[in-house]
Amino acid sequence: MCRSIHQLHNFEPPATEDEVHAAALQYVRKIAGTTKPSQANQAAFDAAVAAVTAATAELLAALVTNAPPKNREEEAVKARARFEARNRG
């Protein structure tokens, strides 16, 4: 999985449409093996991004959990600490 695709479920505030689209775009880029498709592939690329965006939004809306929502700022601090720990050694 791409490291730039982040967990979107169970956050307060919930994931925005832009975050869902960005994750879908990263996923399609990874699968396609390109960040910018050729003109011949642009329509297929855009359709895939739209389909993954819709599927992701549907999934997030359907998921349920008993866990309390995570705080975005706290999770970002934890992620930075993990990154720094990996790069020390």
PDB file of N, CA and C in Angstrom:
ATOM      1  N   MET A   1       0.851  -1.181   0.000  1.00  0.00           N
ATOM      2  CA  MET A   1       0.000   0.000   0.000  1.00  0.00           C
ATOM      3  C   MET A   1       0.890   1.235   0.000  1.00  0.00           C
ATOM      4  N   CYS A   2       0.448   2.250  -0.667  1.00  0.00           N
ATOM      5  CA  CYS A   2       1.178   3.517  -0.698  1.00  0.00           C
ATOM      6  C   CYS A   2       1.270   4.099   0.706  1.00  0.00           C
ATOM      7  N   ARG A   3       2.407   4.605   1.039  1.00  0.00           N
ATOM      8  CA  ARG A   3       2.534   5.249   2.345  1.00  0.00           C
ATOM      9  C   ARG A   3       1.771   6.553   2.395  1.00  0.00           C
ATOM     10  N   SER A   4       1.512   7.139   1.223  1.00  0.00           N
ATOM     11  CA  SER A   4       0.812   8.420   1.210  1.00  0.00           C
ATOM     12  C   SER A   4      -0.701   8.266   1.322  1.00  0.00           C
ATOM     13  N   ILE A   5      -1.194   7.034   1.299  1.00  0.00           N
ATOM     14  CA  ILE A   5      -2.619   6.817   1.524  1.00  0.00           C
ATOM     15  C   ILE A   5      -2.796   6.579   3.021  1.00  0.00           C
ATOM     16  N   HIS A   6      -3.580   7.418   3.642  1.00  0.00           N
ATOM     17  CA  HIS A   6      -3.751   7.352   5.091  1.00  0.00           C
ATOM     18  C   HIS A   6      -5.118   6.794   5.455  1.00  0.00           C
ATOM     19  N   GLN A   7      -5.186   6.268   6.666  1.00  0.00           N
ATOM     20  CA  GLN A   7      -6.468   5.791   7.187  1.00  0.00           C
ATOM     21  C   GLN A   7      -7.441   6.954   7.226  1.00  0.00           C
ATOM     22  N   LEU A   8      -8.663   6.697   6.800  1.00  0.00           N
ATOM     23  CA  LEU A   8      -9.680   7.744   6.774  1.00  0.00           C
ATOM     24  C   LEU A   8     -10.847   7.463   7.708  1.00  0.00           C
ATOM     25  N   HIS A   9     -10.947   6.247   8.210  1.00  0.00           N
ATOM     26  CA  HIS A   9     -12.085   5.853   9.043  1.00  0.00           C
ATOM     27  C   HIS A   9     -11.866   6.216  10.504  1.00  0.00           C
ATOM     28  N   ASN A  10     -12.935   6.619  11.155  1.00  0.00           N
ATOM     29  CA  ASN A  10     -12.990   6.848  12.598  1.00  0.00           C
ATOM     30  C   ASN A  10     -12.124   8.019  13.053  1.00  0.00           C
ATOM     31  N   PHE A  11     -12.244   9.126  12.346  1.00  0.00           N
ATOM     32  CA  PHE A  11     -11.567  10.349  12.755  1.00  0.00           C
ATOM     33  C   PHE A  11     -12.599  11.415  13.048  1.00  0.00           C
ATOM     34  N   GLU A  12     -12.231  12.324  13.919  1.00  0.00           N
ATOM     35  CA  GLU A  12     -13.060  13.482  14.231  1.00  0.00           C
ATOM     36  C   GLU A  12     -12.234  14.713  13.942  1.00  0.00           C
ATOM     37  N   PRO A  13     -12.593  15.540  13.020  1.00  0.00           N
ATOM     38  CA  PRO A  13     -13.771  15.446  12.163  1.00  0.00           C
ATOM     39  C   PRO A  13     -13.590  14.361  11.105  1.00  0.00           C
ATOM     40  N   PRO A  14     -14.687  13.890  10.524  1.00  0.00           N
ATOM     41  CA  PRO A  14     -14.603  12.826   9.517  1.00  0.00           C
ATOM     42  C   PRO A  14     -13.810  13.268   8.286  1.00  0.00           C
ATOM     43  N   ALA A  15     -13.388  12.280   7.509  1.00  0.00           N
ATOM     44  CA  ALA A  15     -12.641  12.554   6.284  1.00  0.00           C
ATOM     45  C   ALA A  15     -13.460  13.443   5.350  1.00  0.00           C
ATOM     46  N   THR A  16     -12.781  14.367   4.721  1.00  0.00           N
ATOM     47  CA  THR A  16     -13.442  15.265   3.781  1.00  0.00           C
ATOM     48  C   THR A  16     -13.493  14.629   2.396  1.00  0.00           C
ATOM     49  N   GLU A  17     -14.313  15.199   1.518  1.00  0.00           N
ATOM     50  CA  GLU A  17     -14.375  14.722   0.135  1.00  0.00           C
ATOM     51  C   GLU A  17     -13.004  14.837  -0.531  1.00  0.00           C
ATOM     52  N   ASP A  18     -12.273  15.896  -0.218  1.00  0.00           N
ATOM     53  CA  ASP A  18     -10.937  16.080  -0.796  1.00  0.00           C
ATOM     54  C   ASP A  18      -9.980  14.980  -0.337  1.00  0.00           C
ATOM     55  N   GLU A  19     -10.055  14.593   0.927  1.00  0.00           N
ATOM     56  CA  GLU A  19      -9.192  13.528   1.435  1.00  0.00           C
ATOM     57  C   GLU A  19      -9.526  12.187   0.787  1.00  0.00           C
ATOM     58  N   VAL A  20     -10.805  11.914   0.601  1.00  0.00           N
ATOM     59  CA  VAL A  20     -11.235  10.671  -0.041  1.00  0.00           C
ATOM     60  C   VAL A  20     -10.752  10.664  -1.493  1.00  0.00           C
ATOM     61  N   HIS A  21     -10.916  11.785  -2.190  1.00  0.00           N
ATOM     62  CA  HIS A  21     -10.464  11.877  -3.584  1.00  0.00           C
ATOM     63  C   HIS A  21      -8.946  11.725  -3.670  1.00  0.00           C
ATOM     64  N   ALA A  22      -8.202  12.363  -2.769  1.00  0.00           N
ATOM     65  CA  ALA A  22      -6.744  12.275  -2.782  1.00  0.00           C
ATOM     66  C   ALA A  22      -6.286  10.834  -2.575  1.00  0.00           C
ATOM     67  N   ALA A  23      -6.925  10.113  -1.675  1.00  0.00           N
ATOM     68  CA  ALA A  23      -6.575   8.709  -1.445  1.00  0.00           C
ATOM     69  C   ALA A  23      -6.878   7.879  -2.682  1.00  0.00           C
ATOM     70  N   ALA A  24      -8.013   8.130  -3.319  1.00  0.00           N
ATOM     71  CA  ALA A  24      -8.373   7.406  -4.537  1.00  0.00           C
ATOM     72  C   ALA A  24      -7.368   7.694  -5.648  1.00  0.00           C
ATOM     73  N   LEU A  25      -6.977   8.942  -5.777  1.00  0.00           N
ATOM     74  CA  LEU A  25      -6.000   9.328  -6.791  1.00  0.00           C
ATOM     75  C   LEU A  25      -4.668   8.620  -6.559  1.00  0.00           C
ATOM     76  N   GLN A  26      -4.208   8.586  -5.319  1.00  0.00           N
ATOM     77  CA  GLN A  26      -2.953   7.896  -4.999  1.00  0.00           C
ATOM     78  C   GLN A  26      -3.048   6.403  -5.307  1.00  0.00           C
ATOM     79  N   TYR A  27      -4.174   5.809  -4.989  1.00  0.00           N
ATOM     80  CA  TYR A  27      -4.379   4.380  -5.257  1.00  0.00           C
ATOM     81  C   TYR A  27      -4.312   4.101  -6.761  1.00  0.00           C
ATOM     82  N   VAL A  28      -5.040   4.884  -7.541  1.00  0.00           N
ATOM     83  CA  VAL A  28      -5.058   4.673  -8.995  1.00  0.00           C
ATOM     84  C   VAL A  28      -3.679   4.937  -9.583  1.00  0.00           C
ATOM     85  N   ARG A  29      -2.974   5.946  -9.103  1.00  0.00           N
ATOM     86  CA  ARG A  29      -1.604   6.198  -9.571  1.00  0.00           C
ATOM     87  C   ARG A  29      -0.704   5.002  -9.309  1.00  0.00           C
ATOM     88  N   LYS A  30      -0.831   4.429  -8.126  1.00  0.00           N
ATOM     89  CA  LYS A  30      -0.007   3.284  -7.760  1.00  0.00           C
ATOM     90  C   LYS A  30      -0.316   2.088  -8.656  1.00  0.00           C
ATOM     91  N   ILE A  31      -1.601   1.798  -8.850  1.00  0.00           N
ATOM     92  CA  ILE A  31      -2.005   0.662  -9.669  1.00  0.00           C
ATOM     93  C   ILE A  31      -1.595   0.869 -11.124  1.00  0.00           C
ATOM     94  N   ALA A  32      -1.783   2.096 -11.638  1.00  0.00           N
ATOM     95  CA  ALA A  32      -1.460   2.393 -13.033  1.00  0.00           C
ATOM     96  C   ALA A  32       0.052   2.517 -13.266  1.00  0.00           C
ATOM     97  N   GLY A  33       0.780   2.780 -12.207  1.00  0.00           N
ATOM     98  CA  GLY A  33       2.227   2.925 -12.340  1.00  0.00           C
ATOM     99  C   GLY A  33       2.643   4.259 -12.928  1.00  0.00           C
ATOM    100  N   THR A  34       1.771   5.243 -12.834  1.00  0.00           N
ATOM    101  CA  THR A  34       2.087   6.562 -13.371  1.00  0.00           C
ATOM    102  C   THR A  34       1.372   7.638 -12.571  1.00  0.00           C
ATOM    103  N   THR A  35       1.995   8.791 -12.490  1.00  0.00           N
ATOM    104  CA  THR A  35       1.334   9.908 -11.808  1.00  0.00           C
ATOM    105  C   THR A  35       0.546  10.757 -12.789  1.00  0.00           C
ATOM    106  N   LYS A  36       0.907  10.687 -14.058  1.00  0.00           N
ATOM    107  CA  LYS A  36       0.199  11.441 -15.095  1.00  0.00           C
ATOM    108  C   LYS A  36       0.004  10.522 -16.292  1.00  0.00           C
ATOM    109  N   PRO A  37      -1.233  10.110 -16.536  1.00  0.00           N
ATOM    110  CA  PRO A  37      -1.468   9.202 -17.660  1.00  0.00           C
ATOM    111  C   PRO A  37      -1.329   9.923 -19.003  1.00  0.00           C
ATOM    112  N   SER A  38      -1.095   9.149 -20.051  1.00  0.00           N
ATOM    113  CA  SER A  38      -1.055   9.714 -21.400  1.00  0.00           C
ATOM    114  C   SER A  38      -2.450  10.191 -21.786  1.00  0.00           C
ATOM    115  N   GLN A  39      -2.540  10.986 -22.833  1.00  0.00           N
ATOM    116  CA  GLN A  39      -3.842  11.459 -23.289  1.00  0.00           C
ATOM    117  C   GLN A  39      -4.747  10.290 -23.652  1.00  0.00           C
ATOM    118  N   ALA A  40      -4.156   9.231 -24.197  1.00  0.00           N
ATOM    119  CA  ALA A  40      -4.941   8.061 -24.590  1.00  0.00           C
ATOM    120  C   ALA A  40      -5.557   7.355 -23.385  1.00  0.00           C
ATOM    121  N   ASN A  41      -4.926   7.483 -22.233  1.00  0.00           N
ATOM    122  CA  ASN A  41      -5.395   6.801 -21.021  1.00  0.00           C
ATOM    123  C   ASN A  41      -6.083   7.718 -20.025  1.00  0.00           C
ATOM    124  N   GLN A  42      -6.149   9.014 -20.326  1.00  0.00           N
ATOM    125  CA  GLN A  42      -6.691   9.975 -19.358  1.00  0.00           C
ATOM    126  C   GLN A  42      -8.131   9.664 -18.960  1.00  0.00           C
ATOM    127  N   ALA A  43      -8.982   9.321 -19.915  1.00  0.00           N
ATOM    128  CA  ALA A  43     -10.389   9.050 -19.601  1.00  0.00           C
ATOM    129  C   ALA A  43     -10.527   7.835 -18.694  1.00  0.00           C
ATOM    130  N   ALA A  44      -9.778   6.783 -18.979  1.00  0.00           N
ATOM    131  CA  ALA A  44      -9.826   5.575 -18.144  1.00  0.00           C
ATOM    132  C   ALA A  44      -9.295   5.875 -16.745  1.00  0.00           C
ATOM    133  N   PHE A  45      -8.235   6.666 -16.678  1.00  0.00           N
ATOM    134  CA  PHE A  45      -7.640   7.051 -15.396  1.00  0.00           C
ATOM    135  C   PHE A  45      -8.646   7.840 -14.566  1.00  0.00           C
ATOM    136  N   ASP A  46      -9.275   8.851 -15.179  1.00  0.00           N
ATOM    137  CA  ASP A  46     -10.258   9.680 -14.476  1.00  0.00           C
ATOM    138  C   ASP A  46     -11.473   8.869 -14.021  1.00  0.00           C
ATOM    139  N   ALA A  47     -11.919   7.941 -14.875  1.00  0.00           N
ATOM    140  CA  ALA A  47     -13.055   7.086 -14.508  1.00  0.00           C
ATOM    141  C   ALA A  47     -12.700   6.197 -13.324  1.00  0.00           C
ATOM    142  N   ALA A  48     -11.469   5.688 -13.312  1.00  0.00           N
ATOM    143  CA  ALA A  48     -11.033   4.845 -12.195  1.00  0.00           C
ATOM    144  C   ALA A  48     -10.971   5.645 -10.897  1.00  0.00           C
ATOM    145  N   VAL A  49     -10.463   6.864 -10.963  1.00  0.00           N
ATOM    146  CA  VAL A  49     -10.399   7.715  -9.767  1.00  0.00           C
ATOM    147  C   VAL A  49     -11.806   7.983  -9.249  1.00  0.00           C
ATOM    148  N   ALA A  50     -12.729   8.283 -10.137  1.00  0.00           N
ATOM    149  CA  ALA A  50     -14.114   8.541  -9.730  1.00  0.00           C
ATOM    150  C   ALA A  50     -14.745   7.301  -9.097  1.00  0.00           C
ATOM    151  N   ALA A  51     -14.499   6.138  -9.677  1.00  0.00           N
ATOM    152  CA  ALA A  51     -15.069   4.892  -9.146  1.00  0.00           C
ATOM    153  C   ALA A  51     -14.487   4.559  -7.771  1.00  0.00           C
ATOM    154  N   VAL A  52     -13.183   4.730  -7.612  1.00  0.00           N
ATOM    155  CA  VAL A  52     -12.545   4.440  -6.322  1.00  0.00           C
ATOM    156  C   VAL A  52     -12.990   5.459  -5.280  1.00  0.00           C
ATOM    157  N   THR A  53     -13.141   6.708  -5.674  1.00  0.00           N
ATOM    158  CA  THR A  53     -13.637   7.740  -4.758  1.00  0.00           C
ATOM    159  C   THR A  53     -15.029   7.374  -4.258  1.00  0.00           C
ATOM    160  N   ALA A  54     -15.910   6.989  -5.176  1.00  0.00           N
ATOM    161  CA  ALA A  54     -17.276   6.618  -4.798  1.00  0.00           C
ATOM    162  C   ALA A  54     -17.295   5.389  -3.904  1.00  0.00           C
ATOM    163  N   ALA A  55     -16.494   4.388  -4.239  1.00  0.00           N
ATOM    164  CA  ALA A  55     -16.449   3.163  -3.428  1.00  0.00           C
ATOM    165  C   ALA A  55     -15.901   3.465  -2.036  1.00  0.00           C
ATOM    166  N   THR A  56     -14.902   4.328  -1.960  1.00  0.00           N
ATOM    167  CA  THR A  56     -14.323   4.689  -0.666  1.00  0.00           C
ATOM    168  C   THR A  56     -15.329   5.444   0.196  1.00  0.00           C
ATOM    169  N   ALA A  57     -16.022   6.394  -0.399  1.00  0.00           N
ATOM    170  CA  ALA A  57     -17.044   7.152   0.346  1.00  0.00           C
ATOM    171  C   ALA A  57     -18.148   6.218   0.838  1.00  0.00           C
ATOM    172  N   GLU A  58     -18.552   5.289  -0.005  1.00  0.00           N
ATOM    173  CA  GLU A  58     -19.590   4.316   0.387  1.00  0.00           C
ATOM    174  C   GLU A  58     -19.105   3.433   1.528  1.00  0.00           C
ATOM    175  N   LEU A  59     -17.867   2.984   1.436  1.00  0.00           N
ATOM    176  CA  LEU A  59     -17.296   2.158   2.507  1.00  0.00           C
ATOM    177  C   LEU A  59     -17.245   2.933   3.819  1.00  0.00           C
ATOM    178  N   LEU A  60     -16.727   4.154   3.784  1.00  0.00           N
ATOM    179  CA  LEU A  60     -16.616   4.944   5.015  1.00  0.00           C
ATOM    180  C   LEU A  60     -17.980   5.201   5.641  1.00  0.00           C
ATOM    181  N   ALA A  61     -18.989   5.408   4.809  1.00  0.00           N
ATOM    182  CA  ALA A  61     -20.339   5.649   5.328  1.00  0.00           C
ATOM    183  C   ALA A  61     -20.934   4.405   5.971  1.00  0.00           C
ATOM    184  N   ALA A  62     -20.528   3.222   5.507  1.00  0.00           N
ATOM    185  CA  ALA A  62     -21.103   1.974   6.000  1.00  0.00           C
ATOM    186  C   ALA A  62     -20.370   1.400   7.214  1.00  0.00           C
ATOM    187  N   LEU A  63     -19.121   1.779   7.416  1.00  0.00           N
ATOM    188  CA  LEU A  63     -18.351   1.217   8.521  1.00  0.00           C
ATOM    189  C   LEU A  63     -18.890   1.696   9.874  1.00  0.00           C
ATOM    190  N   VAL A  64     -18.914   0.786  10.831  1.00  0.00           N
ATOM    191  CA  VAL A  64     -19.311   1.118  12.196  1.00  0.00           C
ATOM    192  C   VAL A  64     -18.214   0.665  13.145  1.00  0.00           C
ATOM    193  N   THR A  65     -18.111   1.343  14.255  1.00  0.00           N
ATOM    194  CA  THR A  65     -17.122   0.979  15.260  1.00  0.00           C
ATOM    195  C   THR A  65     -17.607   1.419  16.631  1.00  0.00           C
ATOM    196  N   ASN A  66     -17.128   0.732  17.643  1.00  0.00           N
ATOM    197  CA  ASN A  66     -17.416   1.118  19.022  1.00  0.00           C
ATOM    198  C   ASN A  66     -16.270   1.932  19.617  1.00  0.00           C
ATOM    199  N   ALA A  67     -15.164   2.009  18.871  1.00  0.00           N
ATOM    200  CA  ALA A  67     -13.996   2.747  19.348  1.00  0.00           C
ATOM    201  C   ALA A  67     -14.257   4.250  19.266  1.00  0.00           C
ATOM    202  N   PRO A  68     -13.703   4.991  20.200  1.00  0.00           N
ATOM    203  CA  PRO A  68     -13.868   6.445  20.115  1.00  0.00           C
ATOM    204  C   PRO A  68     -13.111   6.985  18.905  1.00  0.00           C
ATOM    205  N   PRO A  69     -13.591   8.079  18.309  1.00  0.00           N
ATOM    206  CA  PRO A  69     -12.902   8.645  17.154  1.00  0.00           C
ATOM    207  C   PRO A  69     -11.494   9.097  17.510  1.00  0.00           C
ATOM    208  N   LYS A  70     -10.604   8.971  16.535  1.00  0.00           N
ATOM    209  CA  LYS A  70      -9.220   9.400  16.722  1.00  0.00           C
ATOM    210  C   LYS A  70      -9.120  10.894  16.435  1.00  0.00           C
ATOM    211  N   ASN A  71      -8.155  11.517  17.090  1.00  0.00           N
ATOM    212  CA  ASN A  71      -7.877  12.932  16.895  1.00  0.00           C
ATOM    213  C   ASN A  71      -6.786  13.059  15.834  1.00  0.00           C
ATOM    214  N   ARG A  72      -7.037  13.835  14.808  1.00  0.00           N
ATOM    215  CA  ARG A  72      -6.084  13.965  13.701  1.00  0.00           C
ATOM    216  C   ARG A  72      -4.723  14.494  14.149  1.00  0.00           C
ATOM    217  N   GLU A  73      -4.721  15.489  14.999  1.00  0.00           N
ATOM    218  CA  GLU A  73      -3.457  16.076  15.438  1.00  0.00           C
ATOM    219  C   GLU A  73      -2.640  15.074  16.252  1.00  0.00           C
ATOM    220  N   GLU A  74      -3.298  14.348  17.146  1.00  0.00           N
ATOM    221  CA  GLU A  74      -2.595  13.352  17.954  1.00  0.00           C
ATOM    222  C   GLU A  74      -2.021  12.247  17.076  1.00  0.00           C
ATOM    223  N   GLU A  75      -2.778  11.802  16.081  1.00  0.00           N
ATOM    224  CA  GLU A  75      -2.295  10.761  15.178  1.00  0.00           C
ATOM    225  C   GLU A  75      -1.126  11.261  14.337  1.00  0.00           C
ATOM    226  N   ALA A  76      -1.138  12.528  13.955  1.00  0.00           N
ATOM    227  CA  ALA A  76      -0.028  13.102  13.192  1.00  0.00           C
ATOM    228  C   ALA A  76       1.242  13.139  14.036  1.00  0.00           C
ATOM    229  N   VAL A  77       1.115  13.471  15.314  1.00  0.00           N
ATOM    230  CA  VAL A  77       2.269  13.483  16.218  1.00  0.00           C
ATOM    231  C   VAL A  77       2.839  12.070  16.347  1.00  0.00           C
ATOM    232  N   LYS A  78       1.980  11.083  16.511  1.00  0.00           N
ATOM    233  CA  LYS A  78       2.428   9.688  16.609  1.00  0.00           C
ATOM    234  C   LYS A  78       3.139   9.252  15.327  1.00  0.00           C
ATOM    235  N   ALA A  79       2.601   9.644  14.179  1.00  0.00           N
ATOM    236  CA  ALA A  79       3.205   9.277  12.894  1.00  0.00           C
ATOM    237  C   ALA A  79       4.595   9.908  12.753  1.00  0.00           C
ATOM    238  N   ARG A  80       4.729  11.166  13.151  1.00  0.00           N
ATOM    239  CA  ARG A  80       6.045  11.817  13.094  1.00  0.00           C
ATOM    240  C   ARG A  80       7.034  11.108  14.013  1.00  0.00           C
ATOM    241  N   ALA A  81       6.595  10.700  15.182  1.00  0.00           N
ATOM    242  CA  ALA A  81       7.474   9.990  16.117  1.00  0.00           C
ATOM    243  C   ALA A  81       7.917   8.658  15.522  1.00  0.00           C
ATOM    244  N   ARG A  82       6.992   7.931  14.884  1.00  0.00           N
ATOM    245  CA  ARG A  82       7.361   6.660  14.233  1.00  0.00           C
ATOM    246  C   ARG A  82       8.362   6.897  13.109  1.00  0.00           C
ATOM    247  N   PHE A  83       8.148   7.950  12.331  1.00  0.00           N
ATOM    248  CA  PHE A  83       9.051   8.284  11.226  1.00  0.00           C
ATOM    249  C   PHE A  83      10.457   8.592  11.757  1.00  0.00           C
ATOM    250  N   GLU A  84      10.530   9.407  12.804  1.00  0.00           N
ATOM    251  CA  GLU A  84      11.815   9.762  13.379  1.00  0.00           C
ATOM    252  C   GLU A  84      12.518   8.546  13.967  1.00  0.00           C
ATOM    253  N   ALA A  85      11.762   7.650  14.607  1.00  0.00           N
ATOM    254  CA  ALA A  85      12.347   6.441  15.177  1.00  0.00           C
ATOM    255  C   ALA A  85      12.929   5.547  14.080  1.00  0.00           C
ATOM    256  N   ARG A  86      12.238   5.459  12.935  1.00  0.00           N
ATOM    257  CA  ARG A  86      12.731   4.644  11.815  1.00  0.00           C
ATOM    258  C   ARG A  86      14.008   5.222  11.243  1.00  0.00           C
ATOM    259  N   ASN A  87      14.123   6.535  11.223  1.00  0.00           N
ATOM    260  CA  ASN A  87      15.268   7.184  10.592  1.00  0.00           C
ATOM    261  C   ASN A  87      16.465   7.365  11.502  1.00  0.00           C
ATOM    262  N   ARG A  88      16.323   7.079  12.770  1.00  0.00           N
ATOM    263  CA  ARG A  88      17.455   7.192  13.711  1.00  0.00           C
ATOM    264  C   ARG A  88      18.428   6.051  13.538  1.00  0.00           C
ATOM    265  N   GLY A  89      17.903   4.877  13.268  1.00  0.00           N
ATOM    266  CA  GLY A  89      18.737   3.673  13.245  1.00  0.00           C
ATOM    267  C   GLY A  89      19.289   3.389  11.958  1.00  0.00           C
TER     268      GLY A  89
END
